[in-house]
Amino acid sequence: MNLKSVALGLFTAGAMLWPAWVSAANWSIHYPRPIDENDQRHEYPLTLLKLALSKTGVRYTLTPSERILLQGKSIRQLKENREINILWVMTDAQREKELLPIRIPIHKGLIGWRVFLINQSMIDRFDQVTDFQSLTKFTPLQGAEWPDTKILQSNGFNVQTVSDFPEAFSRLAMHQGDFFPRAISEVLGELSYSSLDPDIVLEKNLIIHYPTAMYFFVNRSNPTMARLIETGLRRALEDGSFDNIFVSHHREALLKMDIGNRKIFHLENPLLPPGTPLDDEALWFDPEKHTPEANQ
């Protein structure tokens, strides 16, 4: 038995020993209300969270915050233990210092595989990209408080920052930025927005990848909830239900993005915290293992 198996066995055994009140309590879990009730980006994390909680056998209610909370506000509210007691965001060292991460990448790192939304007038120019240096001549749009901004800047991009998603789409439509890098796990839902300008299209040939993870985070004073959710996620990984949900939810996106026929540019991520479990292959997306064809 290897060390990882021993550690997992000890963790699982320890998780069975929590006080009786943990199982008896009705856990009231509040997450950030999205900008749009039809925002499909919330569907998968909530499905996975429900799966994890079901694996622990606890009773719970899952409720959105009363008001819309953008990412920066959500982080501040969770840090102060107000309005919400869980969120899911990309990790970085500062967030792991302020909040308590559950270090299981909920999208298996797919959040770091980025295709581009562009104005259709830019198609020919992006078709001419042959190397990374030529790509850095284009200006990406990203949120001012998103870790992606610093990642792109550290890799040589001149990033145009925005306050929120609607502003990014608006600027792209008005040619105030050349491309909006979007995670494979997000982009199809965004392309289906009824309010999306018809000039915004998906670039067909390129993709950037940087190692990163989206985690569930809780307040640092709430380690019991963190252990509860991690226990459920570990059990879902062990019995295969985690991967089943991952593949079924991302099947259409993985097929349409066609990673194997895109030119991939691998970027460095200087924000990746040292505790990131990069050596655990079971936690990460692998194009050769997690494509729909590989799972048929």
C-alpha atoms as a PDB file:
ATOM      1  CA  MET A   1       0.000   0.000   0.000  1.00  0.00           C
ATOM      2  CA  ASN A   2       1.486   3.385  -0.997  1.00  0.00           C
ATOM      3  CA  LEU A   3       1.650   6.488   1.202  1.00  0.00           C
ATOM      4  CA  LYS A   4      -1.231   8.186  -0.604  1.00  0.00           C
ATOM      5  CA  SER A   5      -3.506   5.209   0.074  1.00  0.00           C
ATOM      6  CA  VAL A   6      -2.458   5.160   3.725  1.00  0.00           C
ATOM      7  CA  ALA A   7      -3.126   8.886   4.073  1.00  0.00           C
ATOM      8  CA  LEU A   8      -6.519   8.569   2.412  1.00  0.00           C
ATOM      9  CA  GLY A   9      -7.401   5.644   4.671  1.00  0.00           C
ATOM     10  CA  LEU A  10      -6.456   7.612   7.759  1.00  0.00           C
ATOM     11  CA  PHE A  11      -8.435  10.624   6.559  1.00  0.00           C
ATOM     12  CA  THR A  12     -11.532   8.528   5.863  1.00  0.00           C
ATOM     13  CA  ALA A  13     -11.271   6.736   9.188  1.00  0.00           C
ATOM     14  CA  GLY A  14     -10.854  10.038  11.011  1.00  0.00           C
ATOM     15  CA  ALA A  15     -13.842  11.505   9.210  1.00  0.00           C
ATOM     16  CA  MET A  16     -16.040   8.767  10.669  1.00  0.00           C
ATOM     17  CA  LEU A  17     -15.222   9.939  14.180  1.00  0.00           C
ATOM     18  CA  TRP A  18     -16.769  13.393  14.160  1.00  0.00           C
ATOM     19  CA  PRO A  19     -19.023  14.321  17.056  1.00  0.00           C
ATOM     20  CA  ALA A  20     -22.614  13.110  17.003  1.00  0.00           C
ATOM     21  CA  TRP A  21     -23.881  16.666  16.537  1.00  0.00           C
ATOM     22  CA  VAL A  22     -22.248  16.821  13.095  1.00  0.00           C
ATOM     23  CA  SER A  23     -24.532  14.080  11.763  1.00  0.00           C
ATOM     24  CA  ALA A  24     -27.533  15.194  13.803  1.00  0.00           C
ATOM     25  CA  ALA A  25     -27.374  18.850  12.792  1.00  0.00           C
ATOM     26  CA  ASN A  26     -29.205  20.291   9.805  1.00  0.00           C
ATOM     27  CA  TRP A  27     -26.400  22.071   7.953  1.00  0.00           C
ATOM     28  CA  SER A  28     -27.551  25.400   6.525  1.00  0.00           C
ATOM     29  CA  ILE A  29     -25.264  26.150   3.603  1.00  0.00           C
ATOM     30  CA  HIS A  30     -25.389  29.515   1.850  1.00  0.00           C
ATOM     31  CA  TYR A  31     -23.589  30.222  -1.422  1.00  0.00           C
ATOM     32  CA  PRO A  32     -23.301  33.398  -3.562  1.00  0.00           C
ATOM     33  CA  ARG A  33     -26.341  34.178  -5.687  1.00  0.00           C
ATOM     34  CA  PRO A  34     -25.258  34.468  -9.350  1.00  0.00           C
ATOM     35  CA  ILE A  35     -25.711  37.541 -11.511  1.00  0.00           C
ATOM     36  CA  ASP A  36     -28.300  35.684 -13.580  1.00  0.00           C
ATOM     37  CA  GLU A  37     -30.607  32.930 -12.307  1.00  0.00           C
ATOM     38  CA  ASN A  38     -29.933  31.112 -15.593  1.00  0.00           C
ATOM     39  CA  ASP A  39     -26.155  31.234 -15.046  1.00  0.00           C
ATOM     40  CA  GLN A  40     -25.143  27.662 -15.919  1.00  0.00           C
ATOM     41  CA  ARG A  41     -21.719  28.040 -14.319  1.00  0.00           C
ATOM     42  CA  HIS A  42     -23.365  27.333 -10.948  1.00  0.00           C
ATOM     43  CA  GLU A  43     -25.004  24.106 -12.075  1.00  0.00           C
ATOM     44  CA  TYR A  44     -21.959  21.832 -11.907  1.00  0.00           C
ATOM     45  CA  PRO A  45     -20.458  23.047  -8.580  1.00  0.00           C
ATOM     46  CA  LEU A  46     -23.857  22.759  -6.916  1.00  0.00           C
ATOM     47  CA  THR A  47     -24.376  19.268  -8.327  1.00  0.00           C
ATOM     48  CA  LEU A  48     -20.955  18.220  -7.030  1.00  0.00           C
ATOM     49  CA  LEU A  49     -21.578  19.817  -3.635  1.00  0.00           C
ATOM     50  CA  LYS A  50     -24.884  17.965  -3.306  1.00  0.00           C
ATOM     51  CA  LEU A  51     -23.126  14.735  -4.252  1.00  0.00           C
ATOM     52  CA  ALA A  52     -20.422  15.290  -1.622  1.00  0.00           C
ATOM     53  CA  LEU A  53     -22.970  16.024   1.094  1.00  0.00           C
ATOM     54  CA  SER A  54     -25.036  12.989   0.128  1.00  0.00           C
ATOM     55  CA  LYS A  55     -21.952  10.799   0.612  1.00  0.00           C
ATOM     56  CA  THR A  56     -21.692  11.905   4.258  1.00  0.00           C
ATOM     57  CA  GLY A  57     -25.329  11.237   5.155  1.00  0.00           C
ATOM     58  CA  VAL A  58     -25.847  14.616   6.838  1.00  0.00           C
ATOM     59  CA  ARG A  59     -29.024  16.674   6.575  1.00  0.00           C
ATOM     60  CA  TYR A  60     -28.622  20.035   4.872  1.00  0.00           C
ATOM     61  CA  THR A  61     -30.302  22.939   3.147  1.00  0.00           C
ATOM     62  CA  LEU A  62     -28.601  24.711   0.268  1.00  0.00           C
ATOM     63  CA  THR A  63     -29.626  28.318  -0.297  1.00  0.00           C
ATOM     64  CA  PRO A  64     -28.316  31.234  -2.407  1.00  0.00           C
ATOM     65  CA  SER A  65     -27.537  34.541  -0.720  1.00  0.00           C
ATOM     66  CA  GLU A  66     -30.350  37.076  -0.659  1.00  0.00           C
ATOM     67  CA  ARG A  67     -28.498  39.483  -2.947  1.00  0.00           C
ATOM     68  CA  ILE A  68     -26.216  39.025  -5.946  1.00  0.00           C
ATOM     69  CA  LEU A  69     -22.582  38.752  -4.892  1.00  0.00           C
ATOM     70  CA  LEU A  70     -19.784  39.268  -7.395  1.00  0.00           C
ATOM     71  CA  GLN A  71     -16.589  37.303  -6.848  1.00  0.00           C
ATOM     72  CA  GLY A  72     -14.616  39.934  -4.943  1.00  0.00           C
ATOM     73  CA  LYS A  73     -17.545  40.704  -2.650  1.00  0.00           C
ATOM     74  CA  SER A  74     -18.185  36.986  -2.093  1.00  0.00           C
ATOM     75  CA  ILE A  75     -14.624  36.443  -0.932  1.00  0.00           C
ATOM     76  CA  ARG A  76     -14.807  39.377   1.459  1.00  0.00           C
ATOM     77  CA  GLN A  77     -18.156  38.243   2.865  1.00  0.00           C
ATOM     78  CA  LEU A  78     -16.945  34.694   3.412  1.00  0.00           C
ATOM     79  CA  LYS A  79     -13.771  35.947   5.071  1.00  0.00           C
ATOM     80  CA  GLU A  80     -15.933  37.989   7.466  1.00  0.00           C
ATOM     81  CA  ASN A  81     -18.365  35.070   7.925  1.00  0.00           C
ATOM     82  CA  ARG A  82     -21.311  37.086   6.592  1.00  0.00           C
ATOM     83  CA  GLU A  83     -24.145  36.145   4.188  1.00  0.00           C
ATOM     84  CA  ILE A  84     -22.467  32.992   2.867  1.00  0.00           C
ATOM     85  CA  ASN A  85     -20.502  30.101   4.332  1.00  0.00           C
ATOM     86  CA  ILE A  86     -19.182  28.511   1.125  1.00  0.00           C
ATOM     87  CA  LEU A  87     -18.059  29.588  -2.330  1.00  0.00           C
ATOM     88  CA  TRP A  88     -16.109  28.149  -5.238  1.00  0.00           C
ATOM     89  CA  VAL A  89     -13.366  30.188  -6.898  1.00  0.00           C
ATOM     90  CA  MET A  90      -9.934  29.739  -8.433  1.00  0.00           C
ATOM     91  CA  THR A  91      -7.236  29.381  -5.842  1.00  0.00           C
ATOM     92  CA  ASP A  92      -4.211  31.550  -5.197  1.00  0.00           C
ATOM     93  CA  ALA A  93      -1.909  32.048  -2.221  1.00  0.00           C
ATOM     94  CA  GLN A  94      -3.827  35.044  -0.865  1.00  0.00           C
ATOM     95  CA  ARG A  95      -7.197  33.302  -0.998  1.00  0.00           C
ATOM     96  CA  GLU A  96      -5.785  30.244   0.761  1.00  0.00           C
ATOM     97  CA  LYS A  97      -4.396  32.543   3.447  1.00  0.00           C
ATOM     98  CA  GLU A  98      -7.712  34.307   4.036  1.00  0.00           C
ATOM     99  CA  LEU A  99     -10.075  31.359   3.563  1.00  0.00           C
ATOM    100  CA  LEU A 100      -9.994  27.607   4.184  1.00  0.00           C
ATOM    101  CA  PRO A 101      -9.587  25.659   0.925  1.00  0.00           C
ATOM    102  CA  ILE A 102     -10.836  22.138   0.309  1.00  0.00           C
ATOM    103  CA  ARG A 103      -7.981  21.081  -1.949  1.00  0.00           C
ATOM    104  CA  ILE A 104      -9.860  18.916  -4.420  1.00  0.00           C
ATOM    105  CA  PRO A 105     -10.119  20.681  -7.807  1.00  0.00           C
ATOM    106  CA  ILE A 106     -13.828  20.561  -8.550  1.00  0.00           C
ATOM    107  CA  HIS A 107     -13.281  20.967 -12.316  1.00  0.00           C
ATOM    108  CA  LYS A 108     -10.150  18.765 -12.225  1.00  0.00           C
ATOM    109  CA  GLY A 109      -8.123  21.788 -13.343  1.00  0.00           C
ATOM    110  CA  LEU A 110     -10.245  22.224 -16.481  1.00  0.00           C
ATOM    111  CA  ILE A 111     -10.698  25.832 -15.357  1.00  0.00           C
ATOM    112  CA  GLY A 112      -7.112  26.407 -16.526  1.00  0.00           C
ATOM    113  CA  TRP A 113      -7.794  25.239 -20.083  1.00  0.00           C
ATOM    114  CA  ARG A 114      -8.870  28.425 -21.868  1.00  0.00           C
ATOM    115  CA  VAL A 115     -10.367  29.022 -25.284  1.00  0.00           C
ATOM    116  CA  PHE A 116     -11.062  32.500 -26.631  1.00  0.00           C
ATOM    117  CA  LEU A 117     -14.186  34.510 -27.225  1.00  0.00           C
ATOM    118  CA  ILE A 118     -13.412  37.086 -29.889  1.00  0.00           C
ATOM    119  CA  ASN A 119     -15.138  39.626 -32.105  1.00  0.00           C
ATOM    120  CA  GLN A 120     -15.798  37.906 -35.420  1.00  0.00           C
ATOM    121  CA  SER A 121     -13.937  40.717 -37.187  1.00  0.00           C
ATOM    122  CA  MET A 122     -10.753  39.335 -35.543  1.00  0.00           C
ATOM    123  CA  ILE A 123     -11.021  35.793 -36.926  1.00  0.00           C
ATOM    124  CA  ASP A 124      -8.472  36.288 -39.701  1.00  0.00           C
ATOM    125  CA  ARG A 125      -5.953  37.867 -37.336  1.00  0.00           C
ATOM    126  CA  PHE A 126      -6.162  34.991 -34.874  1.00  0.00           C
ATOM    127  CA  ASP A 127      -5.831  32.528 -37.771  1.00  0.00           C
ATOM    128  CA  GLN A 128      -2.379  33.996 -38.349  1.00  0.00           C
ATOM    129  CA  VAL A 129      -1.076  33.205 -34.828  1.00  0.00           C
ATOM    130  CA  THR A 130       1.802  30.756 -35.196  1.00  0.00           C
ATOM    131  CA  ASP A 131       3.657  31.083 -31.891  1.00  0.00           C
ATOM    132  CA  PHE A 132       3.218  32.348 -28.365  1.00  0.00           C
ATOM    133  CA  GLN A 133       5.015  35.628 -29.014  1.00  0.00           C
ATOM    134  CA  SER A 134       2.519  36.539 -31.723  1.00  0.00           C
ATOM    135  CA  LEU A 135      -0.354  35.677 -29.362  1.00  0.00           C
ATOM    136  CA  THR A 136       0.948  38.064 -26.674  1.00  0.00           C
ATOM    137  CA  LYS A 137       0.487  40.951 -29.103  1.00  0.00           C
ATOM    138  CA  PHE A 138      -3.261  40.612 -28.568  1.00  0.00           C
ATOM    139  CA  THR A 139      -4.984  42.185 -25.552  1.00  0.00           C
ATOM    140  CA  PRO A 140      -7.000  39.833 -23.339  1.00  0.00           C
ATOM    141  CA  LEU A 141      -9.917  40.959 -21.174  1.00  0.00           C
ATOM    142  CA  GLN A 142     -10.126  39.702 -17.573  1.00  0.00           C
ATOM    143  CA  GLY A 143     -11.689  40.685 -14.275  1.00  0.00           C
ATOM    144  CA  ALA A 144      -9.684  43.071 -12.135  1.00  0.00           C
ATOM    145  CA  GLU A 145      -9.870  40.763  -9.098  1.00  0.00           C
ATOM    146  CA  TRP A 146      -9.458  37.438 -10.910  1.00  0.00           C
ATOM    147  CA  PRO A 147      -6.219  35.446 -10.452  1.00  0.00           C
ATOM    148  CA  ASP A 148      -6.174  34.907 -14.225  1.00  0.00           C
ATOM    149  CA  THR A 149      -5.252  38.564 -14.699  1.00  0.00           C
ATOM    150  CA  LYS A 150      -1.959  38.225 -12.830  1.00  0.00           C
ATOM    151  CA  ILE A 151      -1.262  34.871 -14.471  1.00  0.00           C
ATOM    152  CA  LEU A 152      -1.649  36.377 -17.944  1.00  0.00           C
ATOM    153  CA  GLN A 153       0.361  39.462 -17.030  1.00  0.00           C
ATOM    154  CA  SER A 154       3.208  37.338 -15.677  1.00  0.00           C
ATOM    155  CA  ASN A 155       3.305  35.502 -19.016  1.00  0.00           C
ATOM    156  CA  GLY A 156       3.699  38.694 -21.043  1.00  0.00           C
ATOM    157  CA  PHE A 157       0.137  39.783 -21.858  1.00  0.00           C
ATOM    158  CA  ASN A 158      -1.058  43.371 -21.581  1.00  0.00           C
ATOM    159  CA  VAL A 159      -4.397  42.679 -19.875  1.00  0.00           C
ATOM    160  CA  GLN A 160      -7.406  44.996 -20.092  1.00  0.00           C
ATOM    161  CA  THR A 161      -9.268  44.631 -16.788  1.00  0.00           C
ATOM    162  CA  VAL A 162     -13.041  44.836 -16.291  1.00  0.00           C
ATOM    163  CA  SER A 163     -15.329  44.878 -13.268  1.00  0.00           C
ATOM    164  CA  ASP A 164     -17.583  41.974 -14.260  1.00  0.00           C
ATOM    165  CA  PHE A 165     -18.628  39.592 -17.048  1.00  0.00           C
ATOM    166  CA  PRO A 166     -21.156  41.910 -18.737  1.00  0.00           C
ATOM    167  CA  GLU A 167     -18.489  44.580 -19.082  1.00  0.00           C
ATOM    168  CA  ALA A 168     -16.065  42.077 -20.654  1.00  0.00           C
ATOM    169  CA  PHE A 169     -18.621  41.079 -23.269  1.00  0.00           C
ATOM    170  CA  SER A 170     -19.512  44.709 -23.921  1.00  0.00           C
ATOM    171  CA  ARG A 171     -15.875  45.727 -24.395  1.00  0.00           C
ATOM    172  CA  LEU A 172     -15.254  42.788 -26.703  1.00  0.00           C
ATOM    173  CA  ALA A 173     -18.205  43.790 -28.854  1.00  0.00           C
ATOM    174  CA  MET A 174     -16.868  47.364 -29.021  1.00  0.00           C
ATOM    175  CA  HIS A 175     -13.299  46.248 -29.912  1.00  0.00           C
ATOM    176  CA  GLN A 176     -11.945  47.439 -26.547  1.00  0.00           C
ATOM    177  CA  GLY A 177      -9.951  44.248 -26.126  1.00  0.00           C
ATOM    178  CA  ASP A 178      -9.008  41.457 -28.515  1.00  0.00           C
ATOM    179  CA  PHE A 179     -10.095  38.281 -26.744  1.00  0.00           C
ATOM    180  CA  PHE A 180     -11.764  37.020 -23.598  1.00  0.00           C
ATOM    181  CA  PRO A 181     -10.139  33.749 -22.428  1.00  0.00           C
ATOM    182  CA  ARG A 182     -12.820  31.442 -21.058  1.00  0.00           C
ATOM    183  CA  ALA A 183     -12.542  28.061 -19.386  1.00  0.00           C
ATOM    184  CA  ILE A 184     -13.753  25.079 -21.387  1.00  0.00           C
ATOM    185  CA  SER A 185     -16.060  24.367 -18.464  1.00  0.00           C
ATOM    186  CA  GLU A 186     -17.730  27.787 -18.813  1.00  0.00           C
ATOM    187  CA  VAL A 187     -17.738  28.890 -22.410  1.00  0.00           C
ATOM    188  CA  LEU A 188     -20.720  27.028 -23.885  1.00  0.00           C
ATOM    189  CA  GLY A 189     -23.056  28.414 -21.272  1.00  0.00           C
ATOM    190  CA  GLU A 190     -21.808  31.919 -21.972  1.00  0.00           C
ATOM    191  CA  LEU A 191     -22.219  31.529 -25.720  1.00  0.00           C
ATOM    192  CA  SER A 192     -25.867  30.662 -25.108  1.00  0.00           C
ATOM    193  CA  TYR A 193     -26.648  33.946 -23.332  1.00  0.00           C
ATOM    194  CA  SER A 194     -29.575  35.610 -25.088  1.00  0.00           C
ATOM    195  CA  SER A 195     -27.988  38.999 -24.405  1.00  0.00           C
ATOM    196  CA  LEU A 196     -24.675  38.090 -26.064  1.00  0.00           C
ATOM    197  CA  ASP A 197     -23.751  40.341 -28.965  1.00  0.00           C
ATOM    198  CA  PRO A 198     -23.973  38.301 -32.208  1.00  0.00           C
ATOM    199  CA  ASP A 199     -20.496  39.552 -33.206  1.00  0.00           C
ATOM    200  CA  ILE A 200     -18.917  37.593 -30.322  1.00  0.00           C
ATOM    201  CA  VAL A 201     -17.818  34.133 -31.475  1.00  0.00           C
ATOM    202  CA  LEU A 202     -15.571  31.276 -30.408  1.00  0.00           C
ATOM    203  CA  GLU A 203     -12.044  31.229 -31.823  1.00  0.00           C
ATOM    204  CA  LYS A 204     -11.476  27.771 -33.380  1.00  0.00           C
ATOM    205  CA  ASN A 205      -7.741  27.015 -33.350  1.00  0.00           C
ATOM    206  CA  LEU A 206      -6.005  28.079 -30.137  1.00  0.00           C
ATOM    207  CA  ILE A 207      -6.023  27.238 -26.445  1.00  0.00           C
ATOM    208  CA  ILE A 208      -3.927  28.289 -23.467  1.00  0.00           C
ATOM    209  CA  HIS A 209      -3.357  26.132 -20.419  1.00  0.00           C
ATOM    210  CA  TYR A 210      -2.020  26.961 -16.986  1.00  0.00           C
ATOM    211  CA  PRO A 211      -2.155  24.737 -13.895  1.00  0.00           C
ATOM    212  CA  THR A 212      -4.817  26.011 -11.534  1.00  0.00           C
ATOM    213  CA  ALA A 213      -7.676  24.745  -9.445  1.00  0.00           C
ATOM    214  CA  MET A 214     -11.145  25.862  -8.509  1.00  0.00           C
ATOM    215  CA  TYR A 215     -11.894  24.764  -4.946  1.00  0.00           C
ATOM    216  CA  PHE A 216     -14.741  24.966  -2.511  1.00  0.00           C
ATOM    217  CA  PHE A 217     -13.723  27.453   0.204  1.00  0.00           C
ATOM    218  CA  VAL A 218     -15.195  27.978   3.666  1.00  0.00           C
ATOM    219  CA  ASN A 219     -14.434  30.394   6.490  1.00  0.00           C
ATOM    220  CA  ARG A 220     -11.239  29.532   8.364  1.00  0.00           C
ATOM    221  CA  SER A 221     -13.248  29.140  11.577  1.00  0.00           C
ATOM    222  CA  ASN A 222     -15.285  26.338  10.002  1.00  0.00           C
ATOM    223  CA  PRO A 223     -12.920  23.337   9.658  1.00  0.00           C
ATOM    224  CA  THR A 224     -15.708  20.859  10.447  1.00  0.00           C
ATOM    225  CA  MET A 225     -17.658  21.869   7.336  1.00  0.00           C
ATOM    226  CA  ALA A 226     -14.448  21.685   5.292  1.00  0.00           C
ATOM    227  CA  ARG A 227     -13.751  18.168   6.571  1.00  0.00           C
ATOM    228  CA  LEU A 228     -17.356  17.152   5.928  1.00  0.00           C
ATOM    229  CA  ILE A 229     -17.260  18.268   2.297  1.00  0.00           C
ATOM    230  CA  GLU A 230     -13.798  16.837   1.687  1.00  0.00           C
ATOM    231  CA  THR A 231     -14.923  13.484   3.069  1.00  0.00           C
ATOM    232  CA  GLY A 232     -17.854  13.447   0.640  1.00  0.00           C
ATOM    233  CA  LEU A 233     -15.685  14.430  -2.318  1.00  0.00           C
ATOM    234  CA  ARG A 234     -13.121  11.745  -1.463  1.00  0.00           C
ATOM    235  CA  ARG A 235     -15.815   9.110  -1.294  1.00  0.00           C
ATOM    236  CA  ALA A 236     -17.199  10.270  -4.642  1.00  0.00           C
ATOM    237  CA  LEU A 237     -13.710   9.991  -6.153  1.00  0.00           C
ATOM    238  CA  GLU A 238     -13.318   6.499  -4.764  1.00  0.00           C
ATOM    239  CA  ASP A 239     -16.624   5.144  -6.057  1.00  0.00           C
ATOM    240  CA  GLY A 240     -16.370   6.857  -9.456  1.00  0.00           C
ATOM    241  CA  SER A 241     -19.413   9.114  -9.075  1.00  0.00           C
ATOM    242  CA  PHE A 242     -17.234  12.263  -9.132  1.00  0.00           C
ATOM    243  CA  ASP A 243     -15.759  11.343 -12.523  1.00  0.00           C
ATOM    244  CA  ASN A 244     -19.161  10.308 -13.861  1.00  0.00           C
ATOM    245  CA  ILE A 245     -20.563  13.755 -13.089  1.00  0.00           C
ATOM    246  CA  PHE A 246     -17.438  15.476 -14.418  1.00  0.00           C
ATOM    247  CA  VAL A 247     -17.541  13.712 -17.789  1.00  0.00           C
ATOM    248  CA  SER A 248     -21.318  13.874 -18.245  1.00  0.00           C
ATOM    249  CA  HIS A 249     -21.450  17.582 -17.398  1.00  0.00           C
ATOM    250  CA  HIS A 250     -18.506  18.529 -19.625  1.00  0.00           C
ATOM    251  CA  ARG A 251     -19.130  16.055 -22.460  1.00  0.00           C
ATOM    252  CA  GLU A 252     -20.573  18.578 -24.922  1.00  0.00           C
ATOM    253  CA  ALA A 253     -17.891  21.174 -24.193  1.00  0.00           C
ATOM    254  CA  LEU A 254     -15.041  18.666 -24.540  1.00  0.00           C
ATOM    255  CA  LEU A 255     -16.426  17.495 -27.869  1.00  0.00           C
ATOM    256  CA  LYS A 256     -16.993  20.976 -29.266  1.00  0.00           C
ATOM    257  CA  MET A 257     -13.690  22.445 -28.049  1.00  0.00           C
ATOM    258  CA  ASP A 258     -11.779  19.612 -29.753  1.00  0.00           C
ATOM    259  CA  ILE A 259      -8.596  20.107 -27.725  1.00  0.00           C
ATOM    260  CA  GLY A 260      -6.628  17.585 -29.763  1.00  0.00           C
ATOM    261  CA  ASN A 261      -6.886  19.711 -32.909  1.00  0.00           C
ATOM    262  CA  ARG A 262      -6.029  23.041 -31.281  1.00  0.00           C
ATOM    263  CA  LYS A 263      -2.608  24.613 -30.868  1.00  0.00           C
ATOM    264  CA  ILE A 264      -1.902  24.556 -27.118  1.00  0.00           C
ATOM    265  CA  PHE A 265       0.223  27.185 -25.365  1.00  0.00           C
ATOM    266  CA  HIS A 266       1.288  26.159 -21.839  1.00  0.00           C
ATOM    267  CA  LEU A 267       1.702  29.065 -19.397  1.00  0.00           C
ATOM    268  CA  GLU A 268       3.332  29.300 -15.990  1.00  0.00           C
ATOM    269  CA  ASN A 269       1.199  30.057 -12.938  1.00  0.00           C
ATOM    270  CA  PRO A 270       3.238  31.990 -10.347  1.00  0.00           C
ATOM    271  CA  LEU A 271       0.169  32.225  -8.068  1.00  0.00           C
ATOM    272  CA  LEU A 272      -0.170  28.471  -7.557  1.00  0.00           C
ATOM    273  CA  PRO A 273       0.053  27.789  -3.800  1.00  0.00           C
ATOM    274  CA  PRO A 274       2.626  25.220  -2.650  1.00  0.00           C
ATOM    275  CA  GLY A 275      -0.120  23.001  -1.202  1.00  0.00           C
ATOM    276  CA  THR A 276      -1.682  22.344  -4.618  1.00  0.00           C
ATOM    277  CA  PRO A 277      -1.928  18.527  -5.028  1.00  0.00           C
ATOM    278  CA  LEU A 278      -0.380  18.413  -8.503  1.00  0.00           C
ATOM    279  CA  ASP A 279       1.107  14.959  -7.936  1.00  0.00           C
ATOM    280  CA  ASP A 280      -2.297  13.300  -7.451  1.00  0.00           C
ATOM    281  CA  GLU A 281      -3.260  12.358 -11.012  1.00  0.00           C
ATOM    282  CA  ALA A 282      -6.773  11.315  -9.978  1.00  0.00           C
ATOM    283  CA  LEU A 283      -7.614  14.957  -9.250  1.00  0.00           C
ATOM    284  CA  TRP A 284      -6.691  16.454 -12.631  1.00  0.00           C
ATOM    285  CA  PHE A 285      -8.080  16.619 -16.126  1.00  0.00           C
ATOM    286  CA  ASP A 286      -6.112  14.657 -18.695  1.00  0.00           C
ATOM    287  CA  PRO A 287      -7.184  15.179 -22.343  1.00  0.00           C
ATOM    288  CA  GLU A 288      -6.326  11.545 -23.108  1.00  0.00           C
ATOM    289  CA  LYS A 289      -8.410  10.147 -20.232  1.00  0.00           C
ATOM    290  CA  HIS A 290     -11.317  12.528 -19.820  1.00  0.00           C
ATOM    291  CA  THR A 291     -12.510  13.071 -23.382  1.00  0.00           C
ATOM    292  CA  PRO A 292     -15.955  11.587 -24.050  1.00  0.00           C
ATOM    293  CA  GLU A 293     -14.417   9.085 -26.489  1.00  0.00           C
ATOM    294  CA  ALA A 294     -12.029   7.819 -23.794  1.00  0.00           C
ATOM    295  CA  ASN A 295     -14.939   7.091 -21.482  1.00  0.00           C
ATOM    296  CA  GLN A 296     -17.164   5.202 -23.882  1.00  0.00           C
END
